[in-house]
PDB file of N, CA and C in Angstrom:
ATOM      1  N   MET A   1       2.114  -7.423  11.117  1.00  0.00           N
ATOM      2  CA  MET A   1       1.900  -5.944  10.814  1.00  0.00           C
ATOM      3  C   MET A   1       1.432  -6.017   9.373  1.00  0.00           C
ATOM      4  N   THR A   2       0.595  -5.216   8.911  1.00  0.00           N
ATOM      5  CA  THR A   2      -0.037  -5.071   7.632  1.00  0.00           C
ATOM      6  C   THR A   2       0.532  -3.651   6.782  1.00  0.00           C
ATOM      7  N   PHE A   3       0.707  -3.832   5.762  1.00  0.00           N
ATOM      8  CA  PHE A   3       1.218  -2.838   4.685  1.00  0.00           C
ATOM      9  C   PHE A   3       0.444  -2.091   4.016  1.00  0.00           C
ATOM     10  N   PRO A   4      -0.126  -1.274   3.862  1.00  0.00           N
ATOM     11  CA  PRO A   4      -1.127  -0.862   2.535  1.00  0.00           C
ATOM     12  C   PRO A   4      -0.453  -1.094   1.417  1.00  0.00           C
ATOM     13  N   PRO A   5      -1.504  -1.424   0.208  1.00  0.00           N
ATOM     14  CA  PRO A   5      -1.017  -1.713  -0.974  1.00  0.00           C
ATOM     15  C   PRO A   5      -0.959  -0.030  -1.898  1.00  0.00           C
ATOM     16  N   PRO A   6      -0.238  -0.013  -2.820  1.00  0.00           N
ATOM     17  CA  PRO A   6      -0.138   1.245  -3.581  1.00  0.00           C
ATOM     18  C   PRO A   6      -1.473   1.521  -4.203  1.00  0.00           C
ATOM     19  N   LYS A   7      -1.647   3.175  -3.944  1.00  0.00           N
ATOM     20  CA  LYS A   7      -3.020   3.344  -4.655  1.00  0.00           C
ATOM     21  C   LYS A   7      -2.738   3.940  -6.062  1.00  0.00           C
ATOM     22  N   THR A   8      -1.413   4.232  -6.495  1.00  0.00           N
ATOM     23  CA  THR A   8      -1.201   4.384  -8.120  1.00  0.00           C
ATOM     24  C   THR A   8      -0.098   3.823  -8.438  1.00  0.00           C
ATOM     25  N   GLU A   9       0.077   4.073  -9.681  1.00  0.00           N
ATOM     26  CA  GLU A   9       1.311   3.219 -10.615  1.00  0.00           C
ATOM     27  C   GLU A   9       2.140   4.359 -11.009  1.00  0.00           C
ATOM     28  N   ALA A  10       1.878   5.736 -10.577  1.00  0.00           N
ATOM     29  CA  ALA A  10       2.929   7.004 -11.118  1.00  0.00           C
ATOM     30  C   ALA A  10       3.964   6.765 -10.295  1.00  0.00           C
ATOM     31  N   PRO A  11       5.236   6.764 -10.776  1.00  0.00           N
ATOM     32  CA  PRO A  11       6.431   6.839  -9.885  1.00  0.00           C
ATOM     33  C   PRO A  11       6.655   7.683  -8.593  1.00  0.00           C
ATOM     34  N   VAL A  12       6.189   8.737  -8.825  1.00  0.00           N
ATOM     35  CA  VAL A  12       6.705  10.041  -7.802  1.00  0.00           C
ATOM     36  C   VAL A  12       5.785   9.658  -6.931  1.00  0.00           C
ATOM     37  N   PRO A  13       4.245   9.543  -7.018  1.00  0.00           N
ATOM     38  CA  PRO A  13       3.346   9.529  -6.071  1.00  0.00           C
ATOM     39  C   PRO A  13       3.425   8.141  -5.102  1.00  0.00           C
ATOM     40  N   ARG A  14       3.707   7.317  -5.986  1.00  0.00           N
ATOM     41  CA  ARG A  14       3.821   6.106  -5.693  1.00  0.00           C
ATOM     42  C   ARG A  14       4.978   5.989  -4.510  1.00  0.00           C
ATOM     43  N   PHE A  15       6.387   6.439  -4.618  1.00  0.00           N
ATOM     44  CA  PHE A  15       7.275   6.473  -4.228  1.00  0.00           C
ATOM     45  C   PHE A  15       6.965   7.333  -2.587  1.00  0.00           C
ATOM     46  N   GLU A  16       5.978   8.359  -2.726  1.00  0.00           N
ATOM     47  CA  GLU A  16       5.766   9.266  -1.592  1.00  0.00           C
ATOM     48  C   GLU A  16       4.733   8.216  -0.722  1.00  0.00           C
ATOM     49  N   GLU A  17       3.621   7.454  -1.483  1.00  0.00           N
ATOM     50  CA  GLU A  17       3.203   6.461  -0.632  1.00  0.00           C
ATOM     51  C   GLU A  17       3.890   5.618  -0.047  1.00  0.00           C
ATOM     52  N   ALA A  18       4.878   4.916  -0.488  1.00  0.00           N
ATOM     53  CA  ALA A  18       5.899   3.984   0.142  1.00  0.00           C
ATOM     54  C   ALA A  18       6.398   4.770   1.366  1.00  0.00           C
ATOM     55  N   THR A  19       7.087   5.879   1.072  1.00  0.00           N
ATOM     56  CA  THR A  19       7.744   6.568   2.211  1.00  0.00           C
ATOM     57  C   THR A  19       6.887   6.688   3.308  1.00  0.00           C
ATOM     58  N   ILE A  20       5.732   7.048   3.291  1.00  0.00           N
ATOM     59  CA  ILE A  20       4.857   7.491   4.271  1.00  0.00           C
ATOM     60  C   ILE A  20       4.779   6.288   5.013  1.00  0.00           C
ATOM     61  N   ALA A  21       4.132   5.030   4.110  1.00  0.00           N
ATOM     62  CA  ALA A  21       3.814   3.710   4.789  1.00  0.00           C
ATOM     63  C   ALA A  21       5.075   3.097   5.498  1.00  0.00           C
ATOM     64  N   ALA A  22       6.086   3.202   4.877  1.00  0.00           N
ATOM     65  CA  ALA A  22       7.312   2.691   5.705  1.00  0.00           C
ATOM     66  C   ALA A  22       7.561   3.498   6.985  1.00  0.00           C
ATOM     67  N   ARG A  23       7.418   5.055   6.854  1.00  0.00           N
ATOM     68  CA  ARG A  23       7.850   5.678   8.031  1.00  0.00           C
ATOM     69  C   ARG A  23       6.875   5.262   9.157  1.00  0.00           C
ATOM     70  N   ASP A  24       5.451   5.036   8.854  1.00  0.00           N
ATOM     71  CA  ASP A  24       4.386   4.596   9.739  1.00  0.00           C
ATOM     72  C   ASP A  24       4.904   3.313  10.436  1.00  0.00           C
ATOM     73  N   ALA A  25       5.292   2.290   9.490  1.00  0.00           N
ATOM     74  CA  ALA A  25       5.591   1.045  10.067  1.00  0.00           C
ATOM     75  C   ALA A  25       6.765   0.952  10.826  1.00  0.00           C
ATOM     76  N   LEU A  26       7.775   1.949  10.674  1.00  0.00           N
ATOM     77  CA  LEU A  26       8.959   1.870  11.422  1.00  0.00           C
ATOM     78  C   LEU A  26       8.815   2.765  12.617  1.00  0.00           C
ATOM     79  N   GLU A  27       8.090   3.811  12.660  1.00  0.00           N
ATOM     80  CA  GLU A  27       7.496   4.156  13.992  1.00  0.00           C
ATOM     81  C   GLU A  27       7.147   3.100  14.650  1.00  0.00           C
ATOM     82  N   ARG A  28       6.356   2.131  14.282  1.00  0.00           N
ATOM     83  CA  ARG A  28       5.539   1.046  15.272  1.00  0.00           C
ATOM     84  C   ARG A  28       6.732   0.129  15.557  1.00  0.00           C
ATOM     85  N   LEU A  29       7.649   0.042  14.798  1.00  0.00           N
ATOM     86  CA  LEU A  29       8.627  -1.039  14.929  1.00  0.00           C
ATOM     87  C   LEU A  29       9.831  -0.400  16.209  1.00  0.00           C
ATOM     88  N   ILE A  30       9.880   0.940  16.091  1.00  0.00           N
ATOM     89  CA  ILE A  30      10.822   1.555  17.133  1.00  0.00           C
ATOM     90  C   ILE A  30      10.106   1.668  18.398  1.00  0.00           C
ATOM     91  N   ALA A  31       8.830   1.935  18.614  1.00  0.00           N
ATOM     92  CA  ALA A  31       8.160   1.873  19.651  1.00  0.00           C
ATOM     93  C   ALA A  31       7.976   0.717  20.226  1.00  0.00           C
ATOM     94  N   ALA A  32       7.983  -0.368  19.532  1.00  0.00           N
ATOM     95  CA  ALA A  32       7.934  -1.916  20.156  1.00  0.00           C
ATOM     96  C   ALA A  32       9.569  -2.152  20.697  1.00  0.00           C
ATOM     97  N   ALA A  33      10.403  -1.692  19.822  1.00  0.00           N
ATOM     98  CA  ALA A  33      11.834  -1.787  20.172  1.00  0.00           C
ATOM     99  C   ALA A  33      12.180  -1.076  21.498  1.00  0.00           C
ATOM    100  N   ASN A  34      11.634   0.312  21.758  1.00  0.00           N
ATOM    101  CA  ASN A  34      11.850   0.982  22.835  1.00  0.00           C
ATOM    102  C   ASN A  34      11.062   0.202  24.101  1.00  0.00           C
ATOM    103  N   GLU A  35       9.903  -0.291  23.767  1.00  0.00           N
ATOM    104  CA  GLU A  35       9.303  -1.121  24.987  1.00  0.00           C
ATOM    105  C   GLU A  35      10.125  -2.276  25.322  1.00  0.00           C
ATOM    106  N   ALA A  36      10.909  -2.799  24.607  1.00  0.00           N
ATOM    107  CA  ALA A  36      11.826  -4.336  24.791  1.00  0.00           C
ATOM    108  C   ALA A  36      12.729  -3.612  25.451  1.00  0.00           C
ATOM    109  N   GLY A  37      13.115  -2.307  25.504  1.00  0.00           N
ATOM    110  CA  GLY A  37      14.265  -2.010  26.219  1.00  0.00           C
ATOM    111  C   GLY A  37      15.595  -1.363  25.214  1.00  0.00           C
ATOM    112  N   TRP A  38      15.157  -1.354  23.962  1.00  0.00           N
ATOM    113  CA  TRP A  38      16.226  -1.001  22.852  1.00  0.00           C
ATOM    114  C   TRP A  38      15.858   0.868  22.779  1.00  0.00           C
ATOM    115  N   ALA A  39      17.280   1.354  22.896  1.00  0.00           N
ATOM    116  CA  ALA A  39      17.396   2.639  22.772  1.00  0.00           C
ATOM    117  C   ALA A  39      17.115   3.075  21.230  1.00  0.00           C
ATOM    118  N   THR A  40      16.238   4.266  20.779  1.00  0.00           N
ATOM    119  CA  THR A  40      15.993   4.796  19.482  1.00  0.00           C
ATOM    120  C   THR A  40      17.131   4.865  18.646  1.00  0.00           C
ATOM    121  N   GLU A  41      18.154   5.487  19.106  1.00  0.00           N
ATOM    122  CA  GLU A  41      19.494   5.646  18.253  1.00  0.00           C
ATOM    123  C   GLU A  41      20.150   4.314  17.968  1.00  0.00           C
ATOM    124  N   GLU A  42      20.009   3.450  18.696  1.00  0.00           N
ATOM    125  CA  GLU A  42      20.719   1.995  18.462  1.00  0.00           C
ATOM    126  C   GLU A  42      19.549   1.136  17.378  1.00  0.00           C
ATOM    127  N   ILE A  43      18.608   1.196  17.849  1.00  0.00           N
ATOM    128  CA  ILE A  43      17.287   0.366  16.849  1.00  0.00           C
ATOM    129  C   ILE A  43      17.285   0.987  15.564  1.00  0.00           C
ATOM    130  N   THR A  44      17.623   2.453  15.411  1.00  0.00           N
ATOM    131  CA  THR A  44      17.618   3.218  14.311  1.00  0.00           C
ATOM    132  C   THR A  44      18.691   2.593  13.477  1.00  0.00           C
ATOM    133  N   ALA A  45      19.842   2.612  13.889  1.00  0.00           N
ATOM    134  CA  ALA A  45      21.038   2.540  13.290  1.00  0.00           C
ATOM    135  C   ALA A  45      20.940   0.975  12.813  1.00  0.00           C
ATOM    136  N   ALA A  46      20.514  -0.063  13.865  1.00  0.00           N
ATOM    137  CA  ALA A  46      20.370  -1.324  13.226  1.00  0.00           C
ATOM    138  C   ALA A  46      19.494  -1.527  11.890  1.00  0.00           C
ATOM    139  N   ILE A  47      18.289  -0.741  12.277  1.00  0.00           N
ATOM    140  CA  ILE A  47      17.515  -0.703  10.892  1.00  0.00           C
ATOM    141  C   ILE A  47      17.991  -0.347   9.688  1.00  0.00           C
ATOM    142  N   LEU A  48      18.823   0.798   9.920  1.00  0.00           N
ATOM    143  CA  LEU A  48      19.549   1.170   8.647  1.00  0.00           C
ATOM    144  C   LEU A  48      20.733   0.029   8.197  1.00  0.00           C
ATOM    145  N   LYS A  49      21.346  -0.556   9.013  1.00  0.00           N
ATOM    146  CA  LYS A  49      22.101  -1.610   8.544  1.00  0.00           C
ATOM    147  C   LYS A  49      21.449  -2.565   7.945  1.00  0.00           C
ATOM    148  N   ALA A  50      20.514  -3.138   8.504  1.00  0.00           N
ATOM    149  CA  ALA A  50      19.616  -4.133   8.153  1.00  0.00           C
ATOM    150  C   ALA A  50      18.868  -3.905   6.595  1.00  0.00           C
ATOM    151  N   ALA A  51      18.314  -2.557   6.679  1.00  0.00           N
ATOM    152  CA  ALA A  51      18.096  -1.897   5.279  1.00  0.00           C
ATOM    153  C   ALA A  51      18.803  -2.120   4.114  1.00  0.00           C
ATOM    154  N   GLN A  52      20.095  -1.686   4.572  1.00  0.00           N
ATOM    155  CA  GLN A  52      21.463  -1.747   3.413  1.00  0.00           C
ATOM    156  C   GLN A  52      21.562  -3.060   3.029  1.00  0.00           C
ATOM    157  N   PHE A  53      21.575  -4.018   4.046  1.00  0.00           N
ATOM    158  CA  PHE A  53      21.835  -5.198   3.620  1.00  0.00           C
ATOM    159  C   PHE A  53      20.900  -5.936   2.766  1.00  0.00           C
ATOM    160  N   LEU A  54      19.708  -5.652   3.032  1.00  0.00           N
ATOM    161  CA  LEU A  54      18.454  -6.307   2.317  1.00  0.00           C
ATOM    162  C   LEU A  54      18.658  -5.291   0.631  1.00  0.00           C
ATOM    163  N   SER A  55      18.924  -4.292   0.737  1.00  0.00           N
ATOM    164  CA  SER A  55      19.269  -3.514  -0.635  1.00  0.00           C
ATOM    165  C   SER A  55      20.246  -4.180  -1.368  1.00  0.00           C
ATOM    166  N   ASP A  56      21.309  -4.357  -0.675  1.00  0.00           N
ATOM    167  CA  ASP A  56      22.502  -5.011  -1.288  1.00  0.00           C
ATOM    168  C   ASP A  56      22.235  -6.020  -1.923  1.00  0.00           C
ATOM    169  N   ALA A  57      21.643  -7.059  -1.003  1.00  0.00           N
ATOM    170  CA  ALA A  57      21.124  -8.404  -1.359  1.00  0.00           C
ATOM    171  C   ALA A  57      20.269  -8.390  -2.574  1.00  0.00           C
ATOM    172  N   ASN A  58      19.173  -7.435  -2.794  1.00  0.00           N
ATOM    173  CA  ASN A  58      18.455  -7.462  -3.703  1.00  0.00           C
ATOM    174  C   ASN A  58      18.952  -6.882  -5.140  1.00  0.00           C
ATOM    175  N   LYS A  59      19.955  -6.328  -4.898  1.00  0.00           N
ATOM    176  CA  LYS A  59      20.737  -5.780  -6.057  1.00  0.00           C
ATOM    177  C   LYS A  59      21.583  -7.084  -6.868  1.00  0.00           C
ATOM    178  N   LYS A  60      21.853  -7.819  -5.734  1.00  0.00           N
ATOM    179  CA  LYS A  60      22.970  -9.116  -6.409  1.00  0.00           C
ATOM    180  C   LYS A  60      21.884 -10.000  -6.946  1.00  0.00           C
ATOM    181  N   ASP A  61      20.431 -10.312  -6.086  1.00  0.00           N
ATOM    182  CA  ASP A  61      19.710 -11.296  -6.582  1.00  0.00           C
ATOM    183  C   ASP A  61      18.312 -10.997  -6.306  1.00  0.00           C
ATOM    184  N   PRO A  62      17.784 -10.217  -7.550  1.00  0.00           N
ATOM    185  CA  PRO A  62      16.539  -9.462  -7.389  1.00  0.00           C
ATOM    186  C   PRO A  62      15.040 -10.447  -7.047  1.00  0.00           C
ATOM    187  N   ASP A  63      15.437 -11.645  -7.323  1.00  0.00           N
ATOM    188  CA  ASP A  63      14.405 -12.553  -7.325  1.00  0.00           C
ATOM    189  C   ASP A  63      14.794 -13.858  -6.673  1.00  0.00           C
ATOM    190  N   PRO A  64      14.820 -13.828  -5.200  1.00  0.00           N
ATOM    191  CA  PRO A  64      15.838 -15.402  -4.627  1.00  0.00           C
ATOM    192  C   PRO A  64      14.882 -16.321  -4.695  1.00  0.00           C
ATOM    193  N   ALA A  65      13.541 -16.113  -4.939  1.00  0.00           N
ATOM    194  CA  ALA A  65      12.192 -17.159  -4.875  1.00  0.00           C
ATOM    195  C   ALA A  65      12.675 -17.885  -5.850  1.00  0.00           C
ATOM    196  N   GLU A  66      13.446 -17.588  -7.367  1.00  0.00           N
ATOM    197  CA  GLU A  66      13.603 -18.410  -8.138  1.00  0.00           C
ATOM    198  C   GLU A  66      14.628 -19.525  -8.065  1.00  0.00           C
ATOM    199  N   ASP A  67      15.493 -19.066  -6.661  1.00  0.00           N
ATOM    200  CA  ASP A  67      16.848 -19.756  -6.368  1.00  0.00           C
ATOM    201  C   ASP A  67      16.336 -21.221  -5.714  1.00  0.00           C
ATOM    202  N   LEU A  68      15.011 -21.179  -5.145  1.00  0.00           N
ATOM    203  CA  LEU A  68      14.454 -22.232  -4.399  1.00  0.00           C
ATOM    204  C   LEU A  68      14.711 -23.339  -5.059  1.00  0.00           C
ATOM    205  N   VAL A  69      14.396 -23.367  -6.347  1.00  0.00           N
ATOM    206  CA  VAL A  69      14.100 -24.586  -7.321  1.00  0.00           C
ATOM    207  C   VAL A  69      15.207 -25.186  -7.360  1.00  0.00           C
ATOM    208  N   SER A  70      16.558 -24.466  -7.446  1.00  0.00           N
ATOM    209  CA  SER A  70      17.842 -24.972  -7.722  1.00  0.00           C
ATOM    210  C   SER A  70      18.374 -25.750  -6.487  1.00  0.00           C
ATOM    211  N   SER A  71      18.123 -24.843  -5.390  1.00  0.00           N
ATOM    212  CA  SER A  71      18.616 -25.330  -4.262  1.00  0.00           C
ATOM    213  C   SER A  71      17.895 -26.580  -3.663  1.00  0.00           C
ATOM    214  N   ASP A  72      16.541 -26.620  -3.758  1.00  0.00           N
ATOM    215  CA  ASP A  72      15.712 -27.892  -3.470  1.00  0.00           C
ATOM    216  C   ASP A  72      16.332 -29.120  -4.340  1.00  0.00           C
ATOM    217  N   THR A  73      16.833 -28.783  -5.844  1.00  0.00           N
ATOM    218  CA  THR A  73      16.974 -29.902  -6.472  1.00  0.00           C
ATOM    219  C   THR A  73      18.456 -30.430  -5.894  1.00  0.00           C
ATOM    220  N   ALA A  74      19.385 -29.505  -5.291  1.00  0.00           N
ATOM    221  CA  ALA A  74      20.429 -29.721  -4.788  1.00  0.00           C
ATOM    222  C   ALA A  74      20.435 -30.642  -3.468  1.00  0.00           C
ATOM    223  N   ARG A  75      19.442 -30.101  -2.745  1.00  0.00           N
ATOM    224  CA  ARG A  75      19.413 -30.837  -1.509  1.00  0.00           C
ATOM    225  C   ARG A  75      18.669 -32.359  -1.699  1.00  0.00           C
ATOM    226  N   GLN A  76      17.834 -32.636  -2.749  1.00  0.00           N
ATOM    227  CA  GLN A  76      17.466 -33.944  -3.178  1.00  0.00           C
ATOM    228  C   GLN A  76      18.465 -34.769  -3.539  1.00  0.00           C
ATOM    229  N   GLU A  77      19.690 -34.140  -4.051  1.00  0.00           N
ATOM    230  CA  GLU A  77      20.852 -34.754  -4.662  1.00  0.00           C
ATOM    231  C   GLU A  77      21.665 -35.192  -3.669  1.00  0.00           C
ATOM    232  N   GLN A  78      21.674 -34.398  -2.567  1.00  0.00           N
ATOM    233  CA  GLN A  78      22.645 -34.755  -1.247  1.00  0.00           C
ATOM    234  C   GLN A  78      21.906 -36.049  -0.432  1.00  0.00           C
ATOM    235  N   ILE A  79      20.446 -36.390  -0.641  1.00  0.00           N
ATOM    236  CA  ILE A  79      20.004 -37.169   0.215  1.00  0.00           C
ATOM    237  C   ILE A  79      20.606 -38.697   0.290  1.00  0.00           C
ATOM    238  N   GLY A  80      21.082 -39.340   0.862  1.00  0.00           N
ATOM    239  CA  GLY A  80      21.644 -40.741   0.785  1.00  0.00           C
ATOM    240  C   GLY A  80      23.102 -40.411   0.601  1.00  0.00           C
ATOM    241  N   HIS A  81      23.858 -39.358   0.626  1.00  0.00           N
ATOM    242  CA  HIS A  81      25.059 -39.109   0.440  1.00  0.00           C
ATOM    243  C   HIS A  81      25.769 -38.679   1.371  1.00  0.00           C
ATOM    244  N   GLY A  82      24.923 -38.452   2.841  1.00  0.00           N
ATOM    245  CA  GLY A  82      25.770 -38.068   3.998  1.00  0.00           C
ATOM    246  C   GLY A  82      26.101 -36.622   4.289  1.00  0.00           C
ATOM    247  N   GLU A  83      25.806 -35.880   3.226  1.00  0.00           N
ATOM    248  CA  GLU A  83      26.095 -34.412   3.316  1.00  0.00           C
ATOM    249  C   GLU A  83      25.022 -33.632   4.174  1.00  0.00           C
ATOM    250  N   LEU A  84      23.697 -33.829   3.775  1.00  0.00           N
ATOM    251  CA  LEU A  84      23.016 -32.859   4.298  1.00  0.00           C
ATOM    252  C   LEU A  84      21.530 -33.481   5.191  1.00  0.00           C
ATOM    253  N   TYR A  85      20.915 -34.657   4.653  1.00  0.00           N
ATOM    254  CA  TYR A  85      20.012 -35.184   5.478  1.00  0.00           C
ATOM    255  C   TYR A  85      20.142 -36.739   4.820  1.00  0.00           C
ATOM    256  N   ASP A  86      20.187 -37.487   5.999  1.00  0.00           N
ATOM    257  CA  ASP A  86      20.493 -38.829   5.817  1.00  0.00           C
ATOM    258  C   ASP A  86      19.430 -39.822   6.498  1.00  0.00           C
TER     259      ASP A  86
END
């Protein structure tokens, strides 16, 4: 799936662009879910729950990519100690 880049940096138009792009993407996602046998109501409820989860996770850790460095270090420290990889 592709997602268009923003055309502006102004907050209000940028939000409107994001809303339109997200709605288009969600319509395609819902159509694919319908074809797979999911009802629109159940898949939209699942999408809302997943979006809330991602929003909450982002509030707790806005840049999880930075965490990979420390988790890679922890993983390396476990090698040979039988905890993770041996």
